[in-house]
Amino acid sequence: MQYDGFLARVRERGEYKDQGEAADITDAVLHVLAQRIGPGEVKDLVSQLPGPLGVALDQAAPQQAQSFGIEEFYRRVDERTPARPRTAQWDASAVLTTVADTVTGGELNQIISRLPSGYAVLFGKADLAD
């Protein structure tokens, strides 16, 4: 999937006003995801995302994964998108279901396996959630 197509899908799913807003939300969600999954998985994910998304994701990767639950994930997304208070779950789902559509099944399974069960639903994989 190309960068513009990725953002168009996020925009549609999140019902954002334009591609710019979709890009900002995407950057915020991917930044928080990079903190949670760590550098090895980020590197694998970068190789499967459209160029600008991969660059932003790579730059956000910490030295090691941070351990935090889904509520903290939402809080961090909300913190990075102050114009959209209390919509972090909606925003994360719009981006992460698009990630799920973009990457291979094996890569998606790797990412989800690194996260607590509550995250699976954000990727549109409720069947993997406990």
C-alpha atoms as a PDB file:
ATOM      1  CA  MET A   1       0.000   0.000   0.000  1.00  0.00           C
ATOM      2  CA  GLN A   2       1.269   3.481  -0.834  1.00  0.00           C
ATOM      3  CA  TYR A   3       1.506   6.297   1.721  1.00  0.00           C
ATOM      4  CA  ASP A   4      -1.447   8.274   0.304  1.00  0.00           C
ATOM      5  CA  GLY A   5      -3.589   5.147   0.209  1.00  0.00           C
ATOM      6  CA  PHE A   6      -2.697   4.332   3.802  1.00  0.00           C
ATOM      7  CA  LEU A   7      -3.670   7.824   4.953  1.00  0.00           C
ATOM      8  CA  ALA A   8      -6.869   7.732   2.881  1.00  0.00           C
ATOM      9  CA  ARG A   9      -7.902   4.537   4.634  1.00  0.00           C
ATOM     10  CA  VAL A  10      -7.080   5.987   8.078  1.00  0.00           C
ATOM     11  CA  ARG A  11      -9.007   9.143   7.169  1.00  0.00           C
ATOM     12  CA  GLU A  12     -12.051   7.131   6.139  1.00  0.00           C
ATOM     13  CA  ARG A  13     -11.976   4.869   9.192  1.00  0.00           C
ATOM     14  CA  GLY A  14     -11.385   7.705  11.616  1.00  0.00           C
ATOM     15  CA  GLU A  15     -13.701  10.136   9.822  1.00  0.00           C
ATOM     16  CA  TYR A  16     -11.012  12.828   9.860  1.00  0.00           C
ATOM     17  CA  LYS A  17     -11.482  16.097   8.019  1.00  0.00           C
ATOM     18  CA  ASP A  18      -8.451  15.743   5.731  1.00  0.00           C
ATOM     19  CA  GLN A  19      -5.262  13.822   4.981  1.00  0.00           C
ATOM     20  CA  GLY A  20      -3.275  16.165   7.233  1.00  0.00           C
ATOM     21  CA  GLU A  21      -5.334  15.238  10.269  1.00  0.00           C
ATOM     22  CA  ALA A  22      -5.071  11.553   9.349  1.00  0.00           C
ATOM     23  CA  ALA A  23      -1.284  11.927   9.047  1.00  0.00           C
ATOM     24  CA  ASP A  24      -1.020  13.606  12.463  1.00  0.00           C
ATOM     25  CA  ILE A  25      -3.103  10.889  14.130  1.00  0.00           C
ATOM     26  CA  THR A  26      -1.131   8.178  12.350  1.00  0.00           C
ATOM     27  CA  ASP A  27       2.178   9.636  13.513  1.00  0.00           C
ATOM     28  CA  ALA A  28       0.936   9.861  17.108  1.00  0.00           C
ATOM     29  CA  VAL A  29      -0.366   6.289  17.230  1.00  0.00           C
ATOM     30  CA  LEU A  30       2.708   4.809  15.541  1.00  0.00           C
ATOM     31  CA  HIS A  31       4.986   6.742  17.880  1.00  0.00           C
ATOM     32  CA  VAL A  32       3.284   5.209  20.931  1.00  0.00           C
ATOM     33  CA  LEU A  33       3.240   1.759  19.311  1.00  0.00           C
ATOM     34  CA  ALA A  34       6.999   1.998  18.705  1.00  0.00           C
ATOM     35  CA  GLN A  35       7.552   2.697  22.394  1.00  0.00           C
ATOM     36  CA  ARG A  36       5.513  -0.363  23.327  1.00  0.00           C
ATOM     37  CA  ILE A  37       6.889  -2.988  20.912  1.00  0.00           C
ATOM     38  CA  GLY A  38      10.573  -2.038  20.971  1.00  0.00           C
ATOM     39  CA  PRO A  39      13.330  -1.678  18.366  1.00  0.00           C
ATOM     40  CA  GLY A  40      13.454  -5.185  16.889  1.00  0.00           C
ATOM     41  CA  GLU A  41       9.768  -5.327  16.086  1.00  0.00           C
ATOM     42  CA  VAL A  42       9.826  -1.691  14.957  1.00  0.00           C
ATOM     43  CA  LYS A  43      12.527  -2.558  12.429  1.00  0.00           C
ATOM     44  CA  ASP A  44      10.409  -5.394  11.046  1.00  0.00           C
ATOM     45  CA  LEU A  45       7.328  -3.172  10.885  1.00  0.00           C
ATOM     46  CA  VAL A  46       9.241  -0.330   9.204  1.00  0.00           C
ATOM     47  CA  SER A  47      10.117  -2.651   6.325  1.00  0.00           C
ATOM     48  CA  GLN A  48       6.416  -3.219   5.581  1.00  0.00           C
ATOM     49  CA  LEU A  49       4.983   0.291   5.910  1.00  0.00           C
ATOM     50  CA  PRO A  50       5.021   3.031   3.289  1.00  0.00           C
ATOM     51  CA  GLY A  51       8.231   5.120   3.363  1.00  0.00           C
ATOM     52  CA  PRO A  52       7.288   8.189   5.425  1.00  0.00           C
ATOM     53  CA  LEU A  53       5.506   6.046   8.026  1.00  0.00           C
ATOM     54  CA  GLY A  54       8.501   3.777   8.363  1.00  0.00           C
ATOM     55  CA  VAL A  55      10.852   6.717   8.857  1.00  0.00           C
ATOM     56  CA  ALA A  56       8.662   8.243  11.573  1.00  0.00           C
ATOM     57  CA  LEU A  57       8.247   4.883  13.284  1.00  0.00           C
ATOM     58  CA  ASP A  58      11.986   4.182  13.181  1.00  0.00           C
ATOM     59  CA  GLN A  59      12.766   7.571  14.718  1.00  0.00           C
ATOM     60  CA  ALA A  60      10.318   6.906  17.573  1.00  0.00           C
ATOM     61  CA  ALA A  61      11.806   3.523  18.514  1.00  0.00           C
ATOM     62  CA  PRO A  62      13.316   3.421  22.021  1.00  0.00           C
ATOM     63  CA  GLN A  63      16.371   1.389  23.033  1.00  0.00           C
ATOM     64  CA  GLN A  64      14.019  -1.208  24.484  1.00  0.00           C
ATOM     65  CA  ALA A  65      10.287  -1.778  24.683  1.00  0.00           C
ATOM     66  CA  GLN A  66       8.384  -0.116  27.488  1.00  0.00           C
ATOM     67  CA  SER A  67       5.812  -2.152  29.350  1.00  0.00           C
ATOM     68  CA  PHE A  68       2.446  -0.460  29.685  1.00  0.00           C
ATOM     69  CA  GLY A  69      -1.156  -1.522  29.395  1.00  0.00           C
ATOM     70  CA  ILE A  70      -3.898  -0.455  27.040  1.00  0.00           C
ATOM     71  CA  GLU A  71      -5.138   2.430  29.187  1.00  0.00           C
ATOM     72  CA  GLU A  72      -1.631   3.910  29.264  1.00  0.00           C
ATOM     73  CA  PHE A  73      -1.449   3.417  25.493  1.00  0.00           C
ATOM     74  CA  TYR A  74      -4.628   5.471  25.131  1.00  0.00           C
ATOM     75  CA  ARG A  75      -3.335   8.114  27.522  1.00  0.00           C
ATOM     76  CA  ARG A  76      -0.126   8.479  25.530  1.00  0.00           C
ATOM     77  CA  VAL A  77      -1.990   8.722  22.239  1.00  0.00           C
ATOM     78  CA  ASP A  78      -4.312  11.320  23.745  1.00  0.00           C
ATOM     79  CA  GLU A  79      -1.291  13.238  25.046  1.00  0.00           C
ATOM     80  CA  ARG A  80       0.170  13.395  21.526  1.00  0.00           C
ATOM     81  CA  THR A  81      -3.136  14.531  19.985  1.00  0.00           C
ATOM     82  CA  PRO A  82      -4.407  17.282  22.297  1.00  0.00           C
ATOM     83  CA  ALA A  83      -6.942  18.541  19.747  1.00  0.00           C
ATOM     84  CA  ARG A  84      -8.833  15.235  20.069  1.00  0.00           C
ATOM     85  CA  PRO A  85      -9.401  14.575  23.763  1.00  0.00           C
ATOM     86  CA  ARG A  86     -10.959  11.271  24.797  1.00  0.00           C
ATOM     87  CA  THR A  87     -10.842   9.802  21.313  1.00  0.00           C
ATOM     88  CA  ALA A  88      -7.595   7.875  21.688  1.00  0.00           C
ATOM     89  CA  GLN A  89      -9.214   4.455  21.295  1.00  0.00           C
ATOM     90  CA  TRP A  90     -10.978   5.562  18.112  1.00  0.00           C
ATOM     91  CA  ASP A  91      -7.763   7.083  16.748  1.00  0.00           C
ATOM     92  CA  ALA A  92      -5.655   4.049  17.637  1.00  0.00           C
ATOM     93  CA  SER A  93      -8.140   1.695  16.016  1.00  0.00           C
ATOM     94  CA  ALA A  94      -8.322   3.733  12.793  1.00  0.00           C
ATOM     95  CA  VAL A  95      -4.543   3.549  12.438  1.00  0.00           C
ATOM     96  CA  LEU A  96      -3.871   0.045  13.718  1.00  0.00           C
ATOM     97  CA  THR A  97      -6.582  -1.665  11.657  1.00  0.00           C
ATOM     98  CA  THR A  98      -4.950  -0.026   8.645  1.00  0.00           C
ATOM     99  CA  VAL A  99      -1.564  -1.325   9.791  1.00  0.00           C
ATOM    100  CA  ALA A 100      -3.162  -4.785  10.064  1.00  0.00           C
ATOM    101  CA  ASP A 101      -4.380  -4.494   6.461  1.00  0.00           C
ATOM    102  CA  THR A 102      -0.927  -3.408   5.273  1.00  0.00           C
ATOM    103  CA  VAL A 103       1.511  -5.845   6.875  1.00  0.00           C
ATOM    104  CA  THR A 104       1.831  -9.592   6.416  1.00  0.00           C
ATOM    105  CA  GLY A 105      -0.068 -11.937   8.679  1.00  0.00           C
ATOM    106  CA  GLY A 106       3.174 -13.163  10.217  1.00  0.00           C
ATOM    107  CA  GLU A 107       4.296  -9.649  11.088  1.00  0.00           C
ATOM    108  CA  LEU A 108       0.903  -8.795  12.531  1.00  0.00           C
ATOM    109  CA  ASN A 109       1.000 -11.931  14.689  1.00  0.00           C
ATOM    110  CA  GLN A 110       4.488 -10.974  15.913  1.00  0.00           C
ATOM    111  CA  ILE A 111       3.309  -7.519  16.945  1.00  0.00           C
ATOM    112  CA  ILE A 112       0.156  -8.762  18.643  1.00  0.00           C
ATOM    113  CA  SER A 113       2.079 -11.502  20.466  1.00  0.00           C
ATOM    114  CA  ARG A 114       4.275  -8.818  22.063  1.00  0.00           C
ATOM    115  CA  LEU A 115       1.262  -6.969  23.453  1.00  0.00           C
ATOM    116  CA  PRO A 116      -1.241  -7.807  26.218  1.00  0.00           C
ATOM    117  CA  SER A 117      -4.507  -9.278  24.944  1.00  0.00           C
ATOM    118  CA  GLY A 118      -6.459  -5.997  25.136  1.00  0.00           C
ATOM    119  CA  TYR A 119      -4.494  -4.611  22.194  1.00  0.00           C
ATOM    120  CA  ALA A 120      -5.694  -7.188  19.642  1.00  0.00           C
ATOM    121  CA  VAL A 121      -9.044  -5.459  19.252  1.00  0.00           C
ATOM    122  CA  LEU A 122      -7.309  -2.264  18.088  1.00  0.00           C
ATOM    123  CA  PHE A 123      -5.883  -4.189  15.147  1.00  0.00           C
ATOM    124  CA  GLY A 124      -9.344  -5.489  14.268  1.00  0.00           C
ATOM    125  CA  LYS A 125      -8.496  -8.897  15.697  1.00  0.00           C
ATOM    126  CA  ALA A 126     -11.085  -9.276  18.442  1.00  0.00           C
ATOM    127  CA  ASP A 127     -10.855 -13.055  18.042  1.00  0.00           C
ATOM    128  CA  LEU A 128      -7.325 -12.885  19.508  1.00  0.00           C
ATOM    129  CA  ALA A 129      -8.475 -10.925  22.552  1.00  0.00           C
ATOM    130  CA  ASP A 130      -9.204 -12.703  25.812  1.00  0.00           C
END
